[in-house]
Amino acid sequence: MSEQTVKARVLKANVSSNTKQIYEDDFKNHYGDIIEPPYNLKELKLVGEYSSILQQCVDAYKTNIIEFGIGPDYNIDINSDDVSEEDKKKAGEEWTRLDEFMRYLNLDDSPEKTIGDMIDDREKTGNGYLEIIRDGIGNPVGIEYVDAQYMRVCKKTVPEEVEYTIFENGQEKKVKRRKRFRRYVQMIDGKKVYFKEYGDPRVMNSKDGKFDDNTPDNLVATEIYHMKIGSGTYGKPRWVGNLISLYGARKAEELNLTYFTNGRHIPAAITISNGQLDKDSYANLQEYMNDLTGTENAHKFLLLEAEGITQEDGIGNEKITPAKVEIKSLAEILQKDALFLEYDEKTRQKIRSSFRLPPLYTGESQDFSRATADTARRVTEEQVFNPERRALARTLNSLFLESLGFKFVKITVKSADLRDPIEIARALYPLITAGGVTPNDVRPLLSKILGQKVDMFDEEYNIPLQVLLRRKEAAATNPMADLLGIEKSHNKAPRGEELINLLKDMRDVLEGLQEQ
């Protein structure tokens, strides 16, 4: 008995095998004194363009950390009686200076925009850079954004003695310590520019990175402040542990796109028994597979022609066996309209978890009620954004306040006002009915509810409502109180001489009534 054999032939479309990688490192031949980063910074900077969730998380950080604004604030209670008038005057002058300093911190963009661009880089690459500009006498006067993908960190230099100002027992004190500074280098279009670390007192040449007191003014290097995530030489993005998931989600979306663009072919297996395809049919089938792409090729028909196999019988007569062509559906084992939807959702959750953000901050709030939304905002403010704002404020204050000689003011990073005026009014109601709130205490809240400025009452009318009602009741039951005209107040009492005169007048009135 002769054995039968089955032949299988696979036809597939011709596709390009060219790589799409564009992340070549411009510093690859310059590492040595320049330290190589652990990840390709250009790839990290651009990966947000290929993710459906990363940019939303970065934007949420940038918006909630810096874009509510920065402003000056007092280090002291300016309304306290314990603060001298001289200190109040100095504090007011410093407030004005600091407000003007922040207003012109960058002449092209707002300081919020400049710092926001740096935060964008830090959240994508783990590294953010600000260039600090000084004036002719060495005071910082401005900041500039520096693109992280073009920056590299150099090895530390020899120790240098630096003077710091600290407070000891409430008194200023100068201390010195030795610190090893770094250099930074930027390369764009093959041209390198060196920067020194912020606070380095030495003069450095920006062209070759050498410290030289005789450097021409136009080549003196400016300073860089490196804000990074982590404690390494380079920062690492907080989402880097989910980098593979991010790329996987991208590949899943590309696969779905390929299915929709190349989905015209029949999900079936074509089998031919007792025959074979002729050359023309084979060529037509190959052309059909190559032309799968595009909607203009949709709804085409495929015509296959098969030749039967010629066989001889025992007496030498030829007989052509009829060919049998079958098309068997494979739809049940092929992909549906969209694969990996659950995988994509899990990836989004992983990326959000890396930033510790609820879906509310990335535009995915379908399942939120007001109660859950308020809870999510409050927890995120407490655990994520407030600590980030405090850290940024400490950084800005350490960069500028000591150099500019500010003592009574500081830089604050503003936050969103999450308070609900209606809820505050409900909480104040028992305090108002108990007489513990004056009208001026709630005027700012009224201004916020009405959306317009509301003036304050004069001090003579700034008395708790319950106190006024009790006085009115007392006046109704005791007419002599109005006659005396004695005003009781929490901050003003009648003087003894005036009280005596009032009593004498009262005695005269009573004696006159008795004579009548």
Protein backbone atom coordinates (compact mmCIF):
# COMPACT_ATOMS: atom_id res chain seq x y z
CA MET A 1 0.00 0.00 0.00
CA SER A 2 1.50 3.27 -1.09
CA GLU A 3 1.81 6.15 1.38
CA GLN A 4 0.02 9.42 0.74
CA THR A 5 1.73 12.68 1.40
CA VAL A 6 0.26 16.10 2.21
CA LYS A 7 1.95 19.22 0.94
CA ALA A 8 1.41 22.58 2.63
CA ARG A 9 2.36 25.89 1.07
CA VAL A 10 2.26 29.16 3.04
CA LEU A 11 1.52 32.43 1.29
CA LYS A 12 1.97 35.76 3.08
CA ALA A 13 2.16 39.38 2.15
CA ASN A 14 5.51 41.02 1.49
CA VAL A 15 6.38 43.52 4.26
CA SER A 16 9.31 45.82 4.91
CA SER A 17 11.96 44.66 7.41
CA ASN A 18 13.57 48.06 7.98
CA THR A 19 14.07 49.16 11.59
CA LYS A 20 12.22 52.21 12.92
CA GLN A 21 14.72 52.96 15.71
CA ILE A 22 15.76 56.63 15.88
CA TYR A 23 17.32 56.84 19.34
CA GLU A 24 21.00 57.16 18.55
CA ASP A 25 23.05 58.64 21.41
CA ASP A 26 25.01 61.71 20.26
CA PHE A 27 27.39 61.30 23.24
CA LYS A 28 28.35 57.69 22.48
CA ASN A 29 31.96 58.61 21.56
CA HIS A 30 32.41 61.15 24.36
CA TYR A 31 31.84 59.12 27.53
CA GLY A 32 34.67 59.01 30.04
CA ASP A 33 34.74 62.13 32.13
CA ILE A 34 31.13 62.47 30.95
CA ILE A 35 29.01 59.83 32.70
CA GLU A 36 26.72 57.67 30.57
CA PRO A 37 23.06 57.63 31.70
CA PRO A 38 21.44 54.25 32.53
CA TYR A 39 18.70 54.79 29.94
CA ASN A 40 18.49 56.47 26.56
CA LEU A 41 17.25 59.94 27.51
CA LYS A 42 16.00 60.76 24.01
CA GLU A 43 13.88 57.62 23.97
CA LEU A 44 12.45 58.40 27.41
CA LYS A 45 11.68 61.97 26.34
CA LEU A 46 9.76 60.83 23.24
CA VAL A 47 8.07 57.74 24.66
CA GLY A 48 5.14 59.85 25.86
CA GLU A 49 4.18 60.37 22.22
CA TYR A 50 3.66 56.62 21.83
CA SER A 51 1.69 56.01 25.02
CA SER A 52 -2.03 56.52 25.54
CA ILE A 53 -1.66 57.27 29.29
CA LEU A 54 1.83 58.57 30.14
CA GLN A 55 1.35 62.14 28.90
CA GLN A 56 -1.88 62.52 30.87
CA CYS A 57 -0.09 61.52 34.08
CA VAL A 58 2.78 63.93 33.40
CA ASP A 59 0.34 66.75 32.63
CA ALA A 60 -1.53 66.04 35.87
CA TYR A 61 1.71 66.40 37.86
CA LYS A 62 2.70 69.58 36.04
CA THR A 63 -0.73 71.19 36.41
CA ASN A 64 -1.24 70.40 40.08
CA ILE A 65 2.32 71.10 41.24
CA ILE A 66 3.19 74.43 39.61
CA GLU A 67 0.47 75.83 37.37
CA PHE A 68 -1.61 77.26 40.22
CA GLY A 69 1.21 79.76 40.52
CA ILE A 70 4.00 80.83 42.86
CA GLY A 71 4.04 83.90 45.06
CA PRO A 72 5.66 85.62 48.04
CA ASP A 73 4.66 84.93 51.63
CA TYR A 74 5.76 86.21 55.01
CA ASN A 75 8.00 84.25 57.35
CA ILE A 76 6.49 86.14 60.30
CA ASP A 77 2.99 87.03 61.46
CA ILE A 78 2.84 90.53 60.04
CA ASN A 79 -0.25 91.40 62.14
CA SER A 80 1.20 90.26 65.44
CA ASP A 81 1.77 92.84 68.18
CA ASP A 82 5.06 91.12 68.98
CA VAL A 83 6.55 92.25 65.65
CA SER A 84 8.11 95.69 65.73
CA GLU A 85 7.09 98.40 63.29
CA GLU A 86 10.61 98.42 61.88
CA ASP A 87 10.43 94.70 61.08
CA LYS A 88 6.99 95.15 59.54
CA LYS A 89 8.36 97.87 57.29
CA LYS A 90 11.34 95.70 56.25
CA ALA A 91 9.00 92.77 55.60
CA GLY A 92 6.82 94.93 53.35
CA GLU A 93 9.86 96.09 51.37
CA GLU A 94 11.11 92.51 50.97
CA TRP A 95 7.64 91.42 49.82
CA THR A 96 7.74 94.00 47.04
CA ARG A 97 11.27 93.00 46.00
CA LEU A 98 10.45 89.28 45.95
CA ASP A 99 7.23 89.84 44.00
CA GLU A 100 9.12 91.82 41.35
CA PHE A 101 11.91 89.21 41.29
CA MET A 102 9.47 86.37 40.57
CA ARG A 103 7.55 88.42 38.02
CA TYR A 104 10.66 88.85 35.85
CA LEU A 105 12.30 85.50 36.63
CA ASN A 106 12.02 84.69 32.92
CA LEU A 107 11.56 87.46 30.38
CA ASP A 108 10.12 85.21 27.65
CA ASP A 109 7.74 82.98 29.62
CA SER A 110 6.13 82.98 33.02
CA PRO A 111 8.12 81.26 35.80
CA GLU A 112 5.30 78.71 36.05
CA LYS A 113 5.76 77.79 32.37
CA THR A 114 9.55 77.48 32.71
CA ILE A 115 9.38 75.36 35.85
CA GLY A 116 6.52 73.34 34.34
CA ASP A 117 8.68 72.41 31.34
CA MET A 118 11.38 71.25 33.74
CA ILE A 119 8.84 69.12 35.66
CA ASP A 120 7.68 67.62 32.35
CA ASP A 121 11.25 66.50 31.64
CA ARG A 122 11.74 65.20 35.17
CA GLU A 123 8.63 63.02 35.03
CA LYS A 124 9.51 61.60 31.60
CA THR A 125 13.28 61.11 31.92
CA GLY A 126 13.85 61.35 35.67
CA ASN A 127 15.95 64.50 35.15
CA GLY A 128 15.02 68.18 34.99
CA TYR A 129 17.43 71.08 34.49
CA LEU A 130 17.20 74.82 35.12
CA GLU A 131 19.87 77.28 34.04
CA ILE A 132 20.42 80.02 36.63
CA ILE A 133 21.35 83.47 35.30
CA ARG A 134 23.26 85.95 37.49
CA ASP A 135 23.72 89.69 37.13
CA GLY A 136 26.99 91.62 37.15
CA ILE A 137 27.33 91.54 40.95
CA GLY A 138 26.63 87.83 41.22
CA ASN A 139 22.98 87.82 42.30
CA PRO A 140 20.58 85.37 40.61
CA VAL A 141 18.12 87.22 38.40
CA GLY A 142 16.59 84.63 36.07
CA ILE A 143 16.03 81.00 35.11
CA GLU A 144 15.94 79.25 31.73
CA TYR A 145 14.59 75.83 30.77
CA VAL A 146 17.19 73.30 29.55
CA ASP A 147 16.08 70.27 27.51
CA ALA A 148 17.04 67.12 29.45
CA GLN A 149 17.61 64.91 26.40
CA TYR A 150 20.67 66.97 25.38
CA MET A 151 22.25 67.18 28.87
CA ARG A 152 24.85 64.91 30.46
CA VAL A 153 26.48 64.86 33.90
CA CYS A 154 30.25 64.89 34.39
CA LYS A 155 32.29 63.41 37.22
CA LYS A 156 32.77 65.38 40.42
CA THR A 157 35.64 67.85 40.61
CA VAL A 158 38.09 68.45 43.46
CA PRO A 159 36.61 69.77 46.76
CA GLU A 160 36.04 73.51 46.97
CA GLU A 161 35.47 75.59 50.10
CA VAL A 162 32.02 77.21 50.20
CA GLU A 163 30.52 79.63 52.74
CA TYR A 164 26.97 79.10 54.02
CA THR A 165 24.66 81.16 56.22
CA ILE A 166 22.86 79.34 59.02
CA PHE A 167 20.90 80.37 62.11
CA GLU A 168 22.08 79.38 65.57
CA ASN A 169 20.06 80.43 68.63
CA GLY A 170 18.17 82.82 66.41
CA GLN A 171 21.32 84.56 65.17
CA GLU A 172 22.89 84.44 61.73
CA LYS A 173 26.16 82.59 61.52
CA LYS A 174 28.61 82.03 58.65
CA VAL A 175 30.06 78.54 58.28
CA LYS A 176 32.39 77.04 55.70
CA ARG A 177 32.59 73.51 54.37
CA ARG A 178 34.20 71.77 51.44
CA LYS A 179 32.00 70.46 48.67
CA ARG A 180 32.67 68.58 45.43
CA PHE A 181 30.77 70.11 42.53
CA ARG A 182 29.87 68.59 39.18
CA ARG A 183 30.03 69.93 35.68
CA TYR A 184 27.29 69.53 33.10
CA VAL A 185 27.56 69.45 29.32
CA GLN A 186 25.03 70.03 26.59
CA MET A 187 25.44 68.82 23.00
CA ILE A 188 23.25 70.01 20.12
CA ASP A 189 24.26 69.40 16.48
CA GLY A 190 27.70 68.24 17.60
CA LYS A 191 28.50 71.43 19.54
CA LYS A 192 29.24 71.11 23.26
CA VAL A 193 28.58 73.75 25.93
CA TYR A 194 29.68 73.26 29.55
CA PHE A 195 27.89 74.46 32.68
CA LYS A 196 28.91 74.40 36.32
CA GLU A 197 26.78 73.21 39.22
CA TYR A 198 24.74 75.85 41.01
CA GLY A 199 26.69 77.37 43.89
CA ASP A 200 30.16 76.59 42.50
CA PRO A 201 32.18 79.81 43.19
CA ARG A 202 34.85 79.10 40.55
CA VAL A 203 35.02 80.65 37.10
CA MET A 204 34.64 78.06 34.34
CA ASN A 205 35.07 78.24 30.58
CA SER A 206 31.85 77.14 28.85
CA LYS A 207 33.75 76.03 25.74
CA ASP A 208 36.13 73.44 27.25
CA GLY A 209 34.82 73.03 30.82
CA LYS A 210 38.11 74.14 32.44
CA PHE A 211 38.24 76.35 35.53
CA ASP A 212 40.16 79.50 34.65
CA ASP A 213 39.93 82.92 36.30
CA ASN A 214 41.10 84.52 33.04
CA THR A 215 38.13 83.26 31.03
CA PRO A 216 36.67 85.98 28.76
CA ASP A 217 33.32 87.33 29.88
CA ASN A 218 31.51 85.96 26.83
CA LEU A 219 32.74 82.41 27.62
CA VAL A 220 32.05 82.35 31.38
CA ALA A 221 29.85 79.33 32.11
CA THR A 222 26.47 79.78 33.75
CA GLU A 223 25.08 77.47 36.42
CA ILE A 224 22.75 74.47 36.27
CA TYR A 225 20.41 73.16 38.94
CA HIS A 226 19.69 69.46 38.45
CA MET A 227 16.30 68.33 39.81
CA LYS A 228 16.13 64.55 39.60
CA ILE A 229 14.11 61.60 40.89
CA GLY A 230 16.23 59.41 43.15
CA SER A 231 19.71 59.77 44.59
CA GLY A 232 21.84 58.51 41.69
CA THR A 233 24.02 60.52 39.36
CA TYR A 234 21.08 60.54 36.96
CA GLY A 235 17.46 60.38 37.98
CA LYS A 236 15.17 57.55 36.93
CA PRO A 237 11.52 58.08 35.95
CA ARG A 238 9.05 56.76 38.49
CA TRP A 239 7.29 54.69 35.79
CA VAL A 240 10.41 52.96 34.43
CA GLY A 241 9.44 49.64 36.04
CA ASN A 242 6.44 49.52 33.71
CA LEU A 243 8.41 50.35 30.57
CA ILE A 244 7.84 46.88 29.09
CA SER A 245 4.10 47.11 29.73
CA LEU A 246 4.04 50.51 28.04
CA TYR A 247 5.72 49.13 24.93
CA GLY A 248 3.46 46.07 25.04
CA ALA A 249 0.35 48.25 25.05
CA ARG A 250 1.72 50.13 22.06
CA LYS A 251 2.34 46.88 20.16
CA ALA A 252 -1.16 45.69 21.01
CA GLU A 253 -2.64 48.86 19.53
CA GLU A 254 -0.48 48.47 16.42
CA LEU A 255 -1.70 44.88 16.06
CA ASN A 256 -5.31 46.04 16.26
CA LEU A 257 -4.60 48.74 13.70
CA THR A 258 -3.06 46.16 11.38
CA TYR A 259 -6.13 43.99 11.73
CA PHE A 260 -8.46 46.82 10.74
CA THR A 261 -6.31 47.98 7.82
CA ASN A 262 -5.43 44.47 6.57
CA GLY A 263 -8.63 42.72 7.52
CA ARG A 264 -10.07 42.05 4.02
CA HIS A 265 -8.76 38.51 3.70
CA ILE A 266 -11.08 35.59 4.31
CA PRO A 267 -10.45 33.94 7.72
CA ALA A 268 -10.39 30.48 6.19
CA ALA A 269 -8.15 27.63 5.06
CA ILE A 270 -8.31 26.67 1.36
CA THR A 271 -7.75 22.92 0.81
CA ILE A 272 -7.42 21.17 -2.56
CA SER A 273 -7.86 17.41 -2.89
CA ASN A 274 -6.86 15.37 -5.94
CA GLY A 275 -5.50 18.41 -7.69
CA GLN A 276 -3.20 21.41 -7.57
CA LEU A 277 -3.26 25.11 -8.35
CA ASP A 278 -2.10 26.06 -11.78
CA LYS A 279 0.60 28.71 -12.11
CA ASP A 280 -1.83 31.50 -12.90
CA SER A 281 -3.97 30.79 -9.85
CA TYR A 282 -0.92 30.64 -7.61
CA ALA A 283 0.25 34.04 -8.92
CA ASN A 284 -3.23 35.51 -8.45
CA LEU A 285 -3.35 34.24 -4.87
CA GLN A 286 0.06 35.78 -4.09
CA GLU A 287 -1.05 39.10 -5.60
CA TYR A 288 -4.22 38.96 -3.55
CA MET A 289 -2.21 38.55 -0.34
CA ASN A 290 0.10 41.42 -1.23
CA ASP A 291 -2.83 43.77 -1.86
CA LEU A 292 -4.59 43.24 1.45
CA THR A 293 -3.80 46.69 2.79
CA GLY A 294 -6.18 49.62 2.37
CA THR A 295 -9.90 50.17 2.14
CA GLU A 296 -9.69 50.65 -1.63
CA ASN A 297 -8.96 46.91 -1.93
CA ALA A 298 -11.88 45.82 0.19
CA HIS A 299 -14.75 43.64 -1.09
CA LYS A 300 -12.77 42.05 -3.94
CA PHE A 301 -13.50 38.52 -5.16
CA LEU A 302 -10.93 35.75 -5.33
CA LEU A 303 -11.24 33.17 -8.13
CA LEU A 304 -9.18 29.97 -7.80
CA GLU A 305 -8.73 27.41 -10.59
CA ALA A 306 -7.45 23.93 -9.74
CA GLU A 307 -6.25 21.17 -12.10
CA GLY A 308 -7.10 17.56 -11.45
CA ILE A 309 -4.36 14.93 -11.26
CA THR A 310 -3.91 12.70 -14.36
CA GLN A 311 -3.83 8.97 -13.58
CA GLU A 312 -3.46 5.86 -15.78
CA ASP A 313 -5.55 2.78 -15.36
CA GLY A 314 -4.29 -0.78 -15.82
CA ILE A 315 -4.73 -0.78 -19.61
CA GLY A 316 -2.95 2.53 -20.28
CA ASN A 317 -5.93 4.85 -20.44
CA GLU A 318 -5.47 8.30 -18.82
CA LYS A 319 -8.07 9.55 -16.44
CA ILE A 320 -8.22 12.96 -14.80
CA THR A 321 -9.38 12.81 -11.21
CA PRO A 322 -11.78 15.68 -10.40
CA ALA A 323 -10.18 18.24 -8.11
CA LYS A 324 -12.01 19.11 -4.91
CA VAL A 325 -11.59 22.60 -3.43
CA GLU A 326 -12.84 23.25 0.12
CA ILE A 327 -12.83 26.48 2.13
CA LYS A 328 -12.94 25.85 5.89
CA SER A 329 -13.73 28.76 8.21
CA LEU A 330 -11.12 29.72 10.79
CA ALA A 331 -13.06 32.65 12.24
CA GLU A 332 -13.50 30.98 15.63
CA ILE A 333 -9.73 30.92 16.26
CA LEU A 334 -8.88 34.33 14.81
CA GLN A 335 -8.88 37.66 16.61
CA LYS A 336 -12.01 39.65 17.17
CA ASP A 337 -12.45 43.34 16.41
CA ALA A 338 -9.97 44.39 19.10
CA LEU A 339 -7.48 42.26 20.99
CA PHE A 340 -5.78 42.99 24.32
CA LEU A 341 -8.33 45.49 25.61
CA GLU A 342 -7.91 44.08 29.10
CA TYR A 343 -4.13 44.16 28.72
CA ASP A 344 -4.29 47.83 27.71
CA GLU A 345 -6.50 48.66 30.70
CA LYS A 346 -4.11 46.88 33.07
CA THR A 347 -1.22 48.83 31.58
CA ARG A 348 -3.04 52.10 32.16
CA GLN A 349 -3.62 51.11 35.78
CA LYS A 350 0.06 50.25 36.21
CA ILE A 351 1.23 53.60 34.83
CA ARG A 352 -1.25 55.53 36.98
CA SER A 353 -0.14 53.52 40.00
CA SER A 354 3.47 54.54 39.31
CA PHE A 355 2.38 58.17 39.63
CA ARG A 356 -0.07 57.33 42.46
CA LEU A 357 -2.88 59.02 40.57
CA PRO A 358 -6.58 58.07 40.58
CA PRO A 359 -8.37 57.90 37.20
CA LEU A 360 -10.03 61.24 37.97
CA TYR A 361 -6.77 63.07 37.16
CA THR A 362 -6.35 61.43 33.74
CA GLY A 363 -9.84 62.11 32.41
CA GLU A 364 -11.29 58.69 33.32
CA SER A 365 -14.03 59.58 35.79
CA GLN A 366 -17.02 57.58 34.60
CA ASP A 367 -17.31 55.57 37.82
CA PHE A 368 -16.83 58.46 40.25
CA SER A 369 -19.52 59.97 42.44
CA ARG A 370 -19.07 63.28 44.21
CA ALA A 371 -18.13 61.57 47.46
CA THR A 372 -15.54 59.28 45.88
CA ALA A 373 -14.18 62.13 43.74
CA ASP A 374 -13.73 64.38 46.78
CA THR A 375 -12.00 61.58 48.66
CA ALA A 376 -9.70 60.85 45.72
CA ARG A 377 -8.77 64.53 45.39
CA ARG A 378 -8.13 64.93 49.11
CA VAL A 379 -5.96 61.83 49.40
CA THR A 380 -3.99 62.70 46.25
CA GLU A 381 -3.41 66.23 47.52
CA GLU A 382 -2.18 64.94 50.89
CA GLN A 383 -0.03 62.09 49.60
CA VAL A 384 1.25 63.36 46.22
CA PHE A 385 0.88 67.00 45.28
CA ASN A 386 1.34 68.78 48.61
CA PRO A 387 4.68 67.03 49.32
CA GLU A 388 5.81 67.83 45.77
CA ARG A 389 4.89 71.50 46.20
CA ARG A 390 6.69 71.73 49.53
CA ALA A 391 9.81 70.16 48.03
CA LEU A 392 9.70 72.58 45.09
CA ALA A 393 9.21 75.56 47.42
CA ARG A 394 12.20 74.48 49.53
CA THR A 395 14.28 74.20 46.38
CA LEU A 396 13.34 77.66 45.12
CA ASN A 397 13.94 79.22 48.53
CA SER A 398 17.34 77.58 48.89
CA LEU A 399 18.29 78.75 45.40
CA PHE A 400 17.39 82.41 45.77
CA LEU A 401 16.56 83.66 49.28
CA GLU A 402 20.05 83.52 50.82
CA SER A 403 21.72 84.95 47.73
CA LEU A 404 19.26 87.85 47.60
CA GLY A 405 19.35 88.52 51.35
CA PHE A 406 15.66 87.91 52.11
CA LYS A 407 14.87 87.35 55.78
CA PHE A 408 11.18 88.06 56.35
CA VAL A 409 9.66 86.58 53.18
CA LYS A 410 9.74 83.31 51.27
CA ILE A 411 8.50 81.77 48.02
CA THR A 412 5.39 79.63 48.23
CA VAL A 413 3.90 77.32 45.61
CA LYS A 414 0.14 77.78 45.48
CA SER A 415 -2.33 74.90 45.51
CA ALA A 416 -5.90 74.36 44.41
CA ASP A 417 -8.61 75.49 46.83
CA LEU A 418 -10.55 72.30 47.51
CA ARG A 419 -12.80 73.85 50.15
CA ASP A 420 -16.55 73.86 49.50
CA PRO A 421 -18.13 77.18 50.61
CA ILE A 422 -21.48 75.49 51.27
CA GLU A 423 -19.89 72.90 53.54
CA ILE A 424 -17.93 75.62 55.34
CA ALA A 425 -21.17 77.58 55.90
CA ARG A 426 -22.80 74.50 57.41
CA ALA A 427 -19.83 74.00 59.73
CA LEU A 428 -19.93 77.65 60.82
CA TYR A 429 -23.66 77.64 61.64
CA PRO A 430 -23.36 76.30 65.23
CA LEU A 431 -20.46 78.69 65.88
CA ILE A 432 -22.51 81.63 64.63
CA THR A 433 -25.54 80.71 66.74
CA ALA A 434 -23.24 80.37 69.79
CA GLY A 435 -21.88 83.89 69.22
CA GLY A 436 -18.36 82.78 68.44
CA VAL A 437 -18.10 84.43 64.98
CA THR A 438 -18.09 88.11 64.08
CA PRO A 439 -19.52 89.41 60.76
CA ASN A 440 -16.05 90.20 59.39
CA ASP A 441 -14.97 86.60 60.00
CA VAL A 442 -17.39 85.34 57.34
CA ARG A 443 -17.21 88.23 54.87
CA PRO A 444 -14.41 86.57 52.80
CA LEU A 445 -16.54 83.42 52.56
CA LEU A 446 -19.50 85.51 51.41
CA SER A 447 -17.28 87.18 48.82
CA LYS A 448 -16.29 83.77 47.45
CA ILE A 449 -19.89 82.53 47.28
CA LEU A 450 -21.14 85.68 45.53
CA GLY A 451 -18.11 85.93 43.25
CA GLN A 452 -17.53 89.59 44.02
CA LYS A 453 -15.68 91.70 46.57
CA VAL A 454 -17.54 92.39 49.81
CA ASP A 455 -16.33 95.21 52.08
CA MET A 456 -15.67 94.69 55.77
CA PHE A 457 -17.80 96.24 58.54
CA ASP A 458 -16.42 98.97 60.77
CA GLU A 459 -15.18 97.77 64.16
CA GLU A 460 -18.20 99.23 65.99
CA TYR A 461 -20.45 96.89 64.00
CA ASN A 462 -18.09 93.90 64.02
CA ILE A 463 -19.80 92.24 66.97
CA PRO A 464 -21.15 88.66 67.13
CA LEU A 465 -24.84 88.47 66.30
CA GLN A 466 -25.79 86.75 69.58
CA VAL A 467 -24.09 89.49 71.58
CA LEU A 468 -26.13 92.14 69.74
CA LEU A 469 -29.34 90.20 70.35
CA ARG A 470 -28.60 89.88 74.06
CA ARG A 471 -27.93 93.61 74.28
CA LYS A 472 -31.22 94.32 72.55
CA GLU A 473 -33.08 92.06 74.99
CA ALA A 474 -31.31 93.73 77.91
CA ALA A 475 -32.27 97.17 76.62
CA ALA A 476 -35.92 96.09 76.31
CA THR A 477 -36.08 94.85 79.92
CA ASN A 478 -33.89 97.61 81.43
CA PRO A 479 -34.44 101.07 79.88
CA MET A 480 -31.74 102.46 82.12
CA ALA A 481 -29.14 100.64 80.00
CA ASP A 482 -29.95 102.92 77.05
CA LEU A 483 -29.90 105.90 79.33
CA LEU A 484 -26.50 105.05 80.62
CA GLY A 485 -25.26 104.32 77.10
CA ILE A 486 -22.61 102.03 78.46
CA GLU A 487 -21.16 100.02 75.57
CA LYS A 488 -19.70 96.69 76.43
CA SER A 489 -17.15 95.37 74.02
CA HIS A 490 -14.53 92.68 73.92
CA ASN A 491 -11.86 95.17 72.97
CA LYS A 492 -13.09 98.44 74.53
CA ALA A 493 -14.20 99.23 78.15
CA PRO A 494 -15.40 102.57 79.64
CA ARG A 495 -12.79 104.47 81.55
CA GLY A 496 -13.33 104.95 85.31
CA GLU A 497 -13.75 108.74 85.17
CA GLU A 498 -16.39 108.53 82.46
CA LEU A 499 -18.30 105.92 84.46
CA ILE A 500 -18.29 108.13 87.57
CA ASN A 501 -19.64 111.07 85.60
CA LEU A 502 -22.39 108.90 84.16
CA LEU A 503 -23.37 107.72 87.67
CA LYS A 504 -23.50 111.31 88.92
CA ASP A 505 -25.76 112.28 86.06
CA MET A 506 -27.96 109.30 86.88
CA ARG A 507 -28.21 110.41 90.52
CA ASP A 508 -29.34 113.86 89.48
CA VAL A 509 -32.02 112.35 87.25
CA LEU A 510 -33.35 110.16 90.09
CA GLU A 511 -33.42 113.09 92.56
CA GLY A 512 -35.39 115.15 90.08
CA LEU A 513 -37.94 112.38 89.67
CA GLN A 514 -38.39 112.12 93.46
CA GLU A 515 -39.04 115.87 93.80
CA GLN A 516 -41.80 115.63 91.24
